[in-house]
Amino acid sequence: YTICPECGREHTVDLQEILEGGSAD
């Protein structure tokens, strides 16, 4: 999970999708 930086809501994320971009931190 993470927090949306715009509205502050908690939501799920797909780490694999984020890391596939190659520049994830």
mmCIF file of all heavy atoms, coordinates in Angstrom:
data_MODEL
# 
_entry.id   MODEL 
# 
loop_
_atom_site.group_PDB 
_atom_site.id 
_atom_site.type_symbol 
_atom_site.label_atom_id 
_atom_site.label_alt_id 
_atom_site.label_comp_id 
_atom_site.label_asym_id 
_atom_site.label_entity_id 
_atom_site.label_seq_id 
_atom_site.pdbx_PDB_ins_code 
_atom_site.Cartn_x 
_atom_site.Cartn_y 
_atom_site.Cartn_z 
_atom_site.occupancy 
_atom_site.B_iso_or_equiv 
_atom_site.pdbx_formal_charge 
_atom_site.auth_seq_id 
_atom_site.auth_comp_id 
_atom_site.auth_asym_id 
_atom_site.auth_atom_id 
_atom_site.pdbx_PDB_model_num 
ATOM 1   N N   . TYR A 1 1  ? 0.841   -1.203 0.000   1.00 0.00 ? 1  TYR A N   1 
ATOM 2   C CA  . TYR A 1 1  ? 0.000   0.000  0.000   1.00 0.00 ? 1  TYR A CA  1 
ATOM 3   C C   . TYR A 1 1  ? 0.874   1.250  0.000   1.00 0.00 ? 1  TYR A C   1 
ATOM 4   O O   . TYR A 1 1  ? 2.034   1.218  0.394   1.00 0.00 ? 1  TYR A O   1 
ATOM 5   C CB  . TYR A 1 1  ? -0.887  0.034  1.259   1.00 0.00 ? 1  TYR A CB  1 
ATOM 6   C CG  . TYR A 1 1  ? -1.919  -1.046 1.294   1.00 0.00 ? 1  TYR A CG  1 
ATOM 7   C CD1 . TYR A 1 1  ? -1.594  -2.334 1.748   1.00 0.00 ? 1  TYR A CD1 1 
ATOM 8   C CD2 . TYR A 1 1  ? -3.214  -0.809 0.867   1.00 0.00 ? 1  TYR A CD2 1 
ATOM 9   C CE1 . TYR A 1 1  ? -2.545  -3.340 1.777   1.00 0.00 ? 1  TYR A CE1 1 
ATOM 10  C CE2 . TYR A 1 1  ? -4.173  -1.808 0.891   1.00 0.00 ? 1  TYR A CE2 1 
ATOM 11  C CZ  . TYR A 1 1  ? -3.828  -3.070 1.346   1.00 0.00 ? 1  TYR A CZ  1 
ATOM 12  O OH  . TYR A 1 1  ? -4.769  -4.053 1.361   1.00 0.00 ? 1  TYR A OH  1 
ATOM 13  N N   . THR A 1 2  ? 0.287   2.326  -0.423  1.00 0.00 ? 2  THR A N   1 
ATOM 14  C CA  . THR A 1 2  ? 0.930   3.628  -0.350  1.00 0.00 ? 2  THR A CA  1 
ATOM 15  C C   . THR A 1 2  ? -0.154  4.677  -0.116  1.00 0.00 ? 2  THR A C   1 
ATOM 16  O O   . THR A 1 2  ? -1.348  4.371  -0.115  1.00 0.00 ? 2  THR A O   1 
ATOM 17  C CB  . THR A 1 2  ? 1.737   3.934  -1.633  1.00 0.00 ? 2  THR A CB  1 
ATOM 18  O OG1 . THR A 1 2  ? 2.540   5.093  -1.398  1.00 0.00 ? 2  THR A OG1 1 
ATOM 19  C CG2 . THR A 1 2  ? 0.824   4.163  -2.820  1.00 0.00 ? 2  THR A CG2 1 
ATOM 20  N N   . ILE A 1 3  ? 0.271   5.899  0.075   1.00 0.00 ? 3  ILE A N   1 
ATOM 21  C CA  . ILE A 1 3  ? -0.632  7.032  0.274   1.00 0.00 ? 3  ILE A CA  1 
ATOM 22  C C   . ILE A 1 3  ? -0.558  7.906  -0.970  1.00 0.00 ? 3  ILE A C   1 
ATOM 23  O O   . ILE A 1 3  ? 0.530   8.283  -1.415  1.00 0.00 ? 3  ILE A O   1 
ATOM 24  C CB  . ILE A 1 3  ? -0.226  7.861  1.515   1.00 0.00 ? 3  ILE A CB  1 
ATOM 25  C CG1 . ILE A 1 3  ? -0.196  6.996  2.774   1.00 0.00 ? 3  ILE A CG1 1 
ATOM 26  C CG2 . ILE A 1 3  ? -1.122  9.079  1.689   1.00 0.00 ? 3  ILE A CG2 1 
ATOM 27  C CD1 . ILE A 1 3  ? -1.536  6.472  3.213   1.00 0.00 ? 3  ILE A CD1 1 
ATOM 28  N N   . CYS A 1 4  ? -1.694  8.248  -1.539  1.00 0.00 ? 4  CYS A N   1 
ATOM 29  C CA  . CYS A 1 4  ? -1.746  9.125  -2.701  1.00 0.00 ? 4  CYS A CA  1 
ATOM 30  C C   . CYS A 1 4  ? -1.229  10.511 -2.295  1.00 0.00 ? 4  CYS A C   1 
ATOM 31  O O   . CYS A 1 4  ? -1.739  11.102 -1.335  1.00 0.00 ? 4  CYS A O   1 
ATOM 32  C CB  . CYS A 1 4  ? -3.181  9.226  -3.230  1.00 0.00 ? 4  CYS A CB  1 
ATOM 33  S SG  . CYS A 1 4  ? -3.354  10.389 -4.604  1.00 0.00 ? 4  CYS A SG  1 
ATOM 34  N N   . PRO A 1 5  ? -0.228  11.035 -3.004  1.00 0.00 ? 5  PRO A N   1 
ATOM 35  C CA  . PRO A 1 5  ? 0.296   12.350 -2.647  1.00 0.00 ? 5  PRO A CA  1 
ATOM 36  C C   . PRO A 1 5  ? -0.662  13.500 -2.955  1.00 0.00 ? 5  PRO A C   1 
ATOM 37  O O   . PRO A 1 5  ? -0.468  14.611 -2.486  1.00 0.00 ? 5  PRO A O   1 
ATOM 38  C CB  . PRO A 1 5  ? 1.574   12.467 -3.488  1.00 0.00 ? 5  PRO A CB  1 
ATOM 39  C CG  . PRO A 1 5  ? 1.371   11.531 -4.618  1.00 0.00 ? 5  PRO A CG  1 
ATOM 40  C CD  . PRO A 1 5  ? 0.483   10.431 -4.122  1.00 0.00 ? 5  PRO A CD  1 
ATOM 41  N N   . GLU A 1 6  ? -1.701  13.227 -3.713  1.00 0.00 ? 6  GLU A N   1 
ATOM 42  C CA  . GLU A 1 6  ? -2.665  14.271 -4.077  1.00 0.00 ? 6  GLU A CA  1 
ATOM 43  C C   . GLU A 1 6  ? -3.783  14.376 -3.039  1.00 0.00 ? 6  GLU A C   1 
ATOM 44  O O   . GLU A 1 6  ? -4.063  15.438 -2.518  1.00 0.00 ? 6  GLU A O   1 
ATOM 45  C CB  . GLU A 1 6  ? -3.260  13.965 -5.454  1.00 0.00 ? 6  GLU A CB  1 
ATOM 46  C CG  . GLU A 1 6  ? -4.253  14.992 -5.945  1.00 0.00 ? 6  GLU A CG  1 
ATOM 47  C CD  . GLU A 1 6  ? -3.633  16.002 -6.881  1.00 0.00 ? 6  GLU A CD  1 
ATOM 48  O OE1 . GLU A 1 6  ? -2.536  15.784 -7.383  1.00 0.00 ? 6  GLU A OE1 1 
ATOM 49  O OE2 . GLU A 1 6  ? -4.277  17.035 -7.098  1.00 0.00 ? 6  GLU A OE2 1 
ATOM 50  N N   . CYS A 1 7  ? -4.436  13.253 -2.730  1.00 0.00 ? 7  CYS A N   1 
ATOM 51  C CA  . CYS A 1 7  ? -5.618  13.292 -1.865  1.00 0.00 ? 7  CYS A CA  1 
ATOM 52  C C   . CYS A 1 7  ? -5.384  12.669 -0.494  1.00 0.00 ? 7  CYS A C   1 
ATOM 53  O O   . CYS A 1 7  ? -6.222  12.807 0.391   1.00 0.00 ? 7  CYS A O   1 
ATOM 54  C CB  . CYS A 1 7  ? -6.799  12.597 -2.543  1.00 0.00 ? 7  CYS A CB  1 
ATOM 55  S SG  . CYS A 1 7  ? -6.594  10.810 -2.730  1.00 0.00 ? 7  CYS A SG  1 
ATOM 56  N N   . GLY A 1 8  ? -4.291  11.942 -0.319  1.00 0.00 ? 8  GLY A N   1 
ATOM 57  C CA  . GLY A 1 8  ? -3.969  11.357 0.979   1.00 0.00 ? 8  GLY A CA  1 
ATOM 58  C C   . GLY A 1 8  ? -4.628  10.017 1.258   1.00 0.00 ? 8  GLY A C   1 
ATOM 59  O O   . GLY A 1 8  ? -4.490  9.486  2.349   1.00 0.00 ? 8  GLY A O   1 
ATOM 60  N N   . ARG A 1 9  ? -5.346  9.462  0.271   1.00 0.00 ? 9  ARG A N   1 
ATOM 61  C CA  . ARG A 1 9  ? -5.995  8.161  0.480   1.00 0.00 ? 9  ARG A CA  1 
ATOM 62  C C   . ARG A 1 9  ? -4.986  7.031  0.367   1.00 0.00 ? 9  ARG A C   1 
ATOM 63  O O   . ARG A 1 9  ? -4.092  7.063  -0.474  1.00 0.00 ? 9  ARG A O   1 
ATOM 64  C CB  . ARG A 1 9  ? -7.096  7.931  -0.541  1.00 0.00 ? 9  ARG A CB  1 
ATOM 65  C CG  . ARG A 1 9  ? -8.376  8.660  -0.222  1.00 0.00 ? 9  ARG A CG  1 
ATOM 66  C CD  . ARG A 1 9  ? -9.421  8.315  -1.236  1.00 0.00 ? 9  ARG A CD  1 
ATOM 67  N NE  . ARG A 1 9  ? -9.051  9.049  -2.450  1.00 0.00 ? 9  ARG A NE  1 
ATOM 68  C CZ  . ARG A 1 9  ? -9.869  9.362  -3.422  1.00 0.00 ? 9  ARG A CZ  1 
ATOM 69  N NH1 . ARG A 1 9  ? -11.107 8.965  -3.403  1.00 0.00 ? 9  ARG A NH1 1 
ATOM 70  N NH2 . ARG A 1 9  ? -9.466  10.055 -4.468  1.00 0.00 ? 9  ARG A NH2 1 
ATOM 71  N N   . GLU A 1 10 ? -5.185  6.018  1.195   1.00 0.00 ? 10 GLU A N   1 
ATOM 72  C CA  . GLU A 1 10 ? -4.380  4.809  1.097   1.00 0.00 ? 10 GLU A CA  1 
ATOM 73  C C   . GLU A 1 10 ? -4.923  3.952  -0.048  1.00 0.00 ? 10 GLU A C   1 
ATOM 74  O O   . GLU A 1 10 ? -6.131  3.823  -0.210  1.00 0.00 ? 10 GLU A O   1 
ATOM 75  C CB  . GLU A 1 10 ? -4.464  4.036  2.419   1.00 0.00 ? 10 GLU A CB  1 
ATOM 76  C CG  . GLU A 1 10 ? -3.662  2.760  2.432   1.00 0.00 ? 10 GLU A CG  1 
ATOM 77  C CD  . GLU A 1 10 ? -3.771  2.029  3.758   1.00 0.00 ? 10 GLU A CD  1 
ATOM 78  O OE1 . GLU A 1 10 ? -4.817  1.364  3.973   1.00 0.00 ? 10 GLU A OE1 1 
ATOM 79  O OE2 . GLU A 1 10 ? -2.827  2.128  4.553   1.00 0.00 ? 10 GLU A OE2 1 
ATOM 80  N N   . HIS A 1 11 ? -4.010  3.384  -0.844  1.00 0.00 ? 11 HIS A N   1 
ATOM 81  C CA  . HIS A 1 11 ? -4.440  2.510  -1.934  1.00 0.00 ? 11 HIS A CA  1 
ATOM 82  C C   . HIS A 1 11 ? -3.350  1.477  -2.209  1.00 0.00 ? 11 HIS A C   1 
ATOM 83  O O   . HIS A 1 11 ? -2.194  1.660  -1.836  1.00 0.00 ? 11 HIS A O   1 
ATOM 84  C CB  . HIS A 1 11 ? -4.783  3.312  -3.195  1.00 0.00 ? 11 HIS A CB  1 
ATOM 85  C CG  . HIS A 1 11 ? -3.626  4.075  -3.777  1.00 0.00 ? 11 HIS A CG  1 
ATOM 86  N ND1 . HIS A 1 11 ? -2.898  3.609  -4.839  1.00 0.00 ? 11 HIS A ND1 1 
ATOM 87  C CD2 . HIS A 1 11 ? -3.077  5.263  -3.445  1.00 0.00 ? 11 HIS A CD2 1 
ATOM 88  C CE1 . HIS A 1 11 ? -1.949  4.477  -5.137  1.00 0.00 ? 11 HIS A CE1 1 
ATOM 89  N NE2 . HIS A 1 11 ? -2.039  5.495  -4.303  1.00 0.00 ? 11 HIS A NE2 1 
ATOM 90  N N   . THR A 1 12 ? -3.750  0.391  -2.841  1.00 0.00 ? 12 THR A N   1 
ATOM 91  C CA  . THR A 1 12 ? -2.797  -0.667 -3.158  1.00 0.00 ? 12 THR A CA  1 
ATOM 92  C C   . THR A 1 12 ? -1.971  -0.276 -4.381  1.00 0.00 ? 12 THR A C   1 
ATOM 93  O O   . THR A 1 12 ? -2.408  0.516  -5.213  1.00 0.00 ? 12 THR A O   1 
ATOM 94  C CB  . THR A 1 12 ? -3.510  -2.010 -3.457  1.00 0.00 ? 12 THR A CB  1 
ATOM 95  O OG1 . THR A 1 12 ? -4.374  -1.827 -4.564  1.00 0.00 ? 12 THR A OG1 1 
ATOM 96  C CG2 . THR A 1 12 ? -4.273  -2.511 -2.258  1.00 0.00 ? 12 THR A CG2 1 
ATOM 97  N N   . VAL A 1 13 ? -0.763  -0.835 -4.434  1.00 0.00 ? 13 VAL A N   1 
ATOM 98  C CA  . VAL A 1 13 ? 0.103   -0.636 -5.589  1.00 0.00 ? 13 VAL A CA  1 
ATOM 99  C C   . VAL A 1 13 ? 0.676   -1.981 -6.010  1.00 0.00 ? 13 VAL A C   1 
ATOM 100 O O   . VAL A 1 13 ? 0.799   -2.897 -5.203  1.00 0.00 ? 13 VAL A O   1 
ATOM 101 C CB  . VAL A 1 13 ? 1.257   0.352  -5.303  1.00 0.00 ? 13 VAL A CB  1 
ATOM 102 C CG1 . VAL A 1 13 ? 0.745   1.744  -5.063  1.00 0.00 ? 13 VAL A CG1 1 
ATOM 103 C CG2 . VAL A 1 13 ? 2.108   -0.108 -4.150  1.00 0.00 ? 13 VAL A CG2 1 
ATOM 104 N N   . ASP A 1 14 ? 1.016   -2.077 -7.258  1.00 0.00 ? 14 ASP A N   1 
ATOM 105 C CA  . ASP A 1 14 ? 1.650   -3.269 -7.803  1.00 0.00 ? 14 ASP A CA  1 
ATOM 106 C C   . ASP A 1 14 ? 3.144   -2.969 -7.911  1.00 0.00 ? 14 ASP A C   1 
ATOM 107 O O   . ASP A 1 14 ? 3.574   -2.263 -8.823  1.00 0.00 ? 14 ASP A O   1 
ATOM 108 C CB  . ASP A 1 14 ? 1.044   -3.591 -9.167  1.00 0.00 ? 14 ASP A CB  1 
ATOM 109 C CG  . ASP A 1 14 ? 1.623   -4.847 -9.794  1.00 0.00 ? 14 ASP A CG  1 
ATOM 110 O OD1 . ASP A 1 14 ? 2.675   -5.334 -9.335  1.00 0.00 ? 14 ASP A OD1 1 
ATOM 111 O OD2 . ASP A 1 14 ? 1.009   -5.336 -10.761 1.00 0.00 ? 14 ASP A OD2 1 
ATOM 112 N N   . LEU A 1 15 ? 3.928   -3.475 -6.962  1.00 0.00 ? 15 LEU A N   1 
ATOM 113 C CA  . LEU A 1 15 ? 5.361   -3.194 -6.953  1.00 0.00 ? 15 LEU A CA  1 
ATOM 114 C C   . LEU A 1 15 ? 6.039   -3.670 -8.236  1.00 0.00 ? 15 LEU A C   1 
ATOM 115 O O   . LEU A 1 15 ? 6.958   -3.025 -8.728  1.00 0.00 ? 15 LEU A O   1 
ATOM 116 C CB  . LEU A 1 15 ? 6.033   -3.862 -5.748  1.00 0.00 ? 15 LEU A CB  1 
ATOM 117 C CG  . LEU A 1 15 ? 6.080   -3.061 -4.468  1.00 0.00 ? 15 LEU A CG  1 
ATOM 118 C CD1 . LEU A 1 15 ? 6.846   -3.820 -3.391  1.00 0.00 ? 15 LEU A CD1 1 
ATOM 119 C CD2 . LEU A 1 15 ? 6.690   -1.698 -4.664  1.00 0.00 ? 15 LEU A CD2 1 
ATOM 120 N N   . GLN A 1 16 ? 5.610   -4.784 -8.757  1.00 0.00 ? 16 GLN A N   1 
ATOM 121 C CA  . GLN A 1 16 ? 6.218   -5.303 -9.974  1.00 0.00 ? 16 GLN A CA  1 
ATOM 122 C C   . GLN A 1 16 ? 6.062   -4.295 -11.114 1.00 0.00 ? 16 GLN A C   1 
ATOM 123 O O   . GLN A 1 16 ? 7.006   -4.022 -11.844 1.00 0.00 ? 16 GLN A O   1 
ATOM 124 C CB  . GLN A 1 16 ? 5.593   -6.629 -10.377 1.00 0.00 ? 16 GLN A CB  1 
ATOM 125 C CG  . GLN A 1 16 ? 6.236   -7.225 -11.619 1.00 0.00 ? 16 GLN A CG  1 
ATOM 126 C CD  . GLN A 1 16 ? 5.701   -8.615 -11.925 1.00 0.00 ? 16 GLN A CD  1 
ATOM 127 O OE1 . GLN A 1 16 ? 5.093   -9.264 -11.091 1.00 0.00 ? 16 GLN A OE1 1 
ATOM 128 N NE2 . GLN A 1 16 ? 5.938   -9.054 -13.152 1.00 0.00 ? 16 GLN A NE2 1 
ATOM 129 N N   . GLU A 1 17 ? 4.887   -3.725 -11.231 1.00 0.00 ? 17 GLU A N   1 
ATOM 130 C CA  . GLU A 1 17 ? 4.638   -2.729 -12.273 1.00 0.00 ? 17 GLU A CA  1 
ATOM 131 C C   . GLU A 1 17 ? 5.521   -1.494 -12.077 1.00 0.00 ? 17 GLU A C   1 
ATOM 132 O O   . GLU A 1 17 ? 6.072   -0.944 -13.028 1.00 0.00 ? 17 GLU A O   1 
ATOM 133 C CB  . GLU A 1 17 ? 3.161   -2.327 -12.257 1.00 0.00 ? 17 GLU A CB  1 
ATOM 134 C CG  . GLU A 1 17 ? 2.762   -1.377 -13.356 1.00 0.00 ? 17 GLU A CG  1 
ATOM 135 C CD  . GLU A 1 17 ? 1.278   -1.045 -13.286 1.00 0.00 ? 17 GLU A CD  1 
ATOM 136 O OE1 . GLU A 1 17 ? 0.457   -1.976 -13.212 1.00 0.00 ? 17 GLU A OE1 1 
ATOM 137 O OE2 . GLU A 1 17 ? 0.956   0.154  -13.295 1.00 0.00 ? 17 GLU A OE2 1 
ATOM 138 N N   . ILE A 1 18 ? 5.671   -1.073 -10.842 1.00 0.00 ? 18 ILE A N   1 
ATOM 139 C CA  . ILE A 1 18 ? 6.495   0.106  -10.544 1.00 0.00 ? 18 ILE A CA  1 
ATOM 140 C C   . ILE A 1 18 ? 7.958   -0.174 -10.848 1.00 0.00 ? 18 ILE A C   1 
ATOM 141 O O   . ILE A 1 18 ? 8.652   0.642  -11.448 1.00 0.00 ? 18 ILE A O   1 
ATOM 142 C CB  . ILE A 1 18 ? 6.305   0.531  -9.071  1.00 0.00 ? 18 ILE A CB  1 
ATOM 143 C CG1 . ILE A 1 18 ? 4.885   1.063  -8.873  1.00 0.00 ? 18 ILE A CG1 1 
ATOM 144 C CG2 . ILE A 1 18 ? 7.332   1.587  -8.681  1.00 0.00 ? 18 ILE A CG2 1 
ATOM 145 C CD1 . ILE A 1 18 ? 4.508   1.259  -7.434  1.00 0.00 ? 18 ILE A CD1 1 
ATOM 146 N N   . LEU A 1 19 ? 8.439   -1.352 -10.470 1.00 0.00 ? 19 LEU A N   1 
ATOM 147 C CA  . LEU A 1 19 ? 9.848   -1.689 -10.659 1.00 0.00 ? 19 LEU A CA  1 
ATOM 148 C C   . LEU A 1 19 ? 10.192  -1.985 -12.116 1.00 0.00 ? 19 LEU A C   1 
ATOM 149 O O   . LEU A 1 19 ? 11.350  -1.853 -12.513 1.00 0.00 ? 19 LEU A O   1 
ATOM 150 C CB  . LEU A 1 19 ? 10.223  -2.880 -9.773  1.00 0.00 ? 19 LEU A CB  1 
ATOM 151 C CG  . LEU A 1 19 ? 10.127  -2.617 -8.268  1.00 0.00 ? 19 LEU A CG  1 
ATOM 152 C CD1 . LEU A 1 19 ? 10.369  -3.897 -7.485  1.00 0.00 ? 19 LEU A CD1 1 
ATOM 153 C CD2 . LEU A 1 19 ? 11.110  -1.534 -7.845  1.00 0.00 ? 19 LEU A CD2 1 
ATOM 154 N N   . GLU A 1 20 ? 9.212   -2.366 -12.929 1.00 0.00 ? 20 GLU A N   1 
ATOM 155 C CA  . GLU A 1 20 ? 9.463   -2.665 -14.339 1.00 0.00 ? 20 GLU A CA  1 
ATOM 156 C C   . GLU A 1 20 ? 9.968   -1.451 -15.107 1.00 0.00 ? 20 GLU A C   1 
ATOM 157 O O   . GLU A 1 20 ? 10.678  -1.597 -16.093 1.00 0.00 ? 20 GLU A O   1 
ATOM 158 C CB  . GLU A 1 20 ? 8.205   -3.213 -15.012 1.00 0.00 ? 20 GLU A CB  1 
ATOM 159 C CG  . GLU A 1 20 ? 7.926   -4.651 -14.680 1.00 0.00 ? 20 GLU A CG  1 
ATOM 160 C CD  . GLU A 1 20 ? 6.604   -5.153 -15.259 1.00 0.00 ? 20 GLU A CD  1 
ATOM 161 O OE1 . GLU A 1 20 ? 5.818   -4.336 -15.800 1.00 0.00 ? 20 GLU A OE1 1 
ATOM 162 O OE2 . GLU A 1 20 ? 6.354   -6.357 -15.153 1.00 0.00 ? 20 GLU A OE2 1 
ATOM 163 N N   . GLY A 1 21 ? 9.620   -0.273 -14.651 1.00 0.00 ? 21 GLY A N   1 
ATOM 164 C CA  . GLY A 1 21 ? 10.069  0.943  -15.324 1.00 0.00 ? 21 GLY A CA  1 
ATOM 165 C C   . GLY A 1 21 ? 11.570  1.144  -15.259 1.00 0.00 ? 21 GLY A C   1 
ATOM 166 O O   . GLY A 1 21 ? 12.142  1.882  -16.046 1.00 0.00 ? 21 GLY A O   1 
ATOM 167 N N   . GLY A 1 22 ? 12.226  0.509  -14.296 1.00 0.00 ? 22 GLY A N   1 
ATOM 168 C CA  . GLY A 1 22 ? 13.673  0.567  -14.202 1.00 0.00 ? 22 GLY A CA  1 
ATOM 169 C C   . GLY A 1 22 ? 14.242  1.717  -13.407 1.00 0.00 ? 22 GLY A C   1 
ATOM 170 O O   . GLY A 1 22 ? 15.397  1.691  -13.038 1.00 0.00 ? 22 GLY A O   1 
ATOM 171 N N   . SER A 1 23 ? 13.460  2.738  -13.129 1.00 0.00 ? 23 SER A N   1 
ATOM 172 C CA  . SER A 1 23 ? 14.001  3.881  -12.393 1.00 0.00 ? 23 SER A CA  1 
ATOM 173 C C   . SER A 1 23 ? 13.271  4.102  -11.070 1.00 0.00 ? 23 SER A C   1 
ATOM 174 O O   . SER A 1 23 ? 13.265  5.205  -10.554 1.00 0.00 ? 23 SER A O   1 
ATOM 175 C CB  . SER A 1 23 ? 13.924  5.142  -13.255 1.00 0.00 ? 23 SER A CB  1 
ATOM 176 O OG  . SER A 1 23 ? 12.572  5.432  -13.558 1.00 0.00 ? 23 SER A OG  1 
ATOM 177 N N   . ALA A 1 24 ? 12.672  3.066  -10.545 1.00 0.00 ? 24 ALA A N   1 
ATOM 178 C CA  . ALA A 1 24 ? 11.908  3.202  -9.306  1.00 0.00 ? 24 ALA A CA  1 
ATOM 179 C C   . ALA A 1 24 ? 12.842  3.363  -8.113  1.00 0.00 ? 24 ALA A C   1 
ATOM 180 O O   . ALA A 1 24 ? 13.915  2.795  -8.058  1.00 0.00 ? 24 ALA A O   1 
ATOM 181 C CB  . ALA A 1 24 ? 11.009  1.997  -9.102  1.00 0.00 ? 24 ALA A CB  1 
ATOM 182 N N   . ASP A 1 25 ? 12.399  4.152  -7.192  1.00 0.00 ? 25 ASP A N   1 
ATOM 183 C CA  . ASP A 1 25 ? 13.097  4.396  -5.941  1.00 0.00 ? 25 ASP A CA  1 
ATOM 184 C C   . ASP A 1 25 ? 12.024  4.263  -4.864  1.00 0.00 ? 25 ASP A C   1 
ATOM 185 O O   . ASP A 1 25 ? 11.112  5.082  -4.805  1.00 0.00 ? 25 ASP A O   1 
ATOM 186 C CB  . ASP A 1 25 ? 13.691  5.796  -5.984  1.00 0.00 ? 25 ASP A CB  1 
ATOM 187 C CG  . ASP A 1 25 ? 14.081  6.348  -4.631  1.00 0.00 ? 25 ASP A CG  1 
ATOM 188 O OD1 . ASP A 1 25 ? 14.115  5.601  -3.638  1.00 0.00 ? 25 ASP A OD1 1 
ATOM 189 O OD2 . ASP A 1 25 ? 14.352  7.563  -4.566  1.00 0.00 ? 25 ASP A OD2 1 
# 
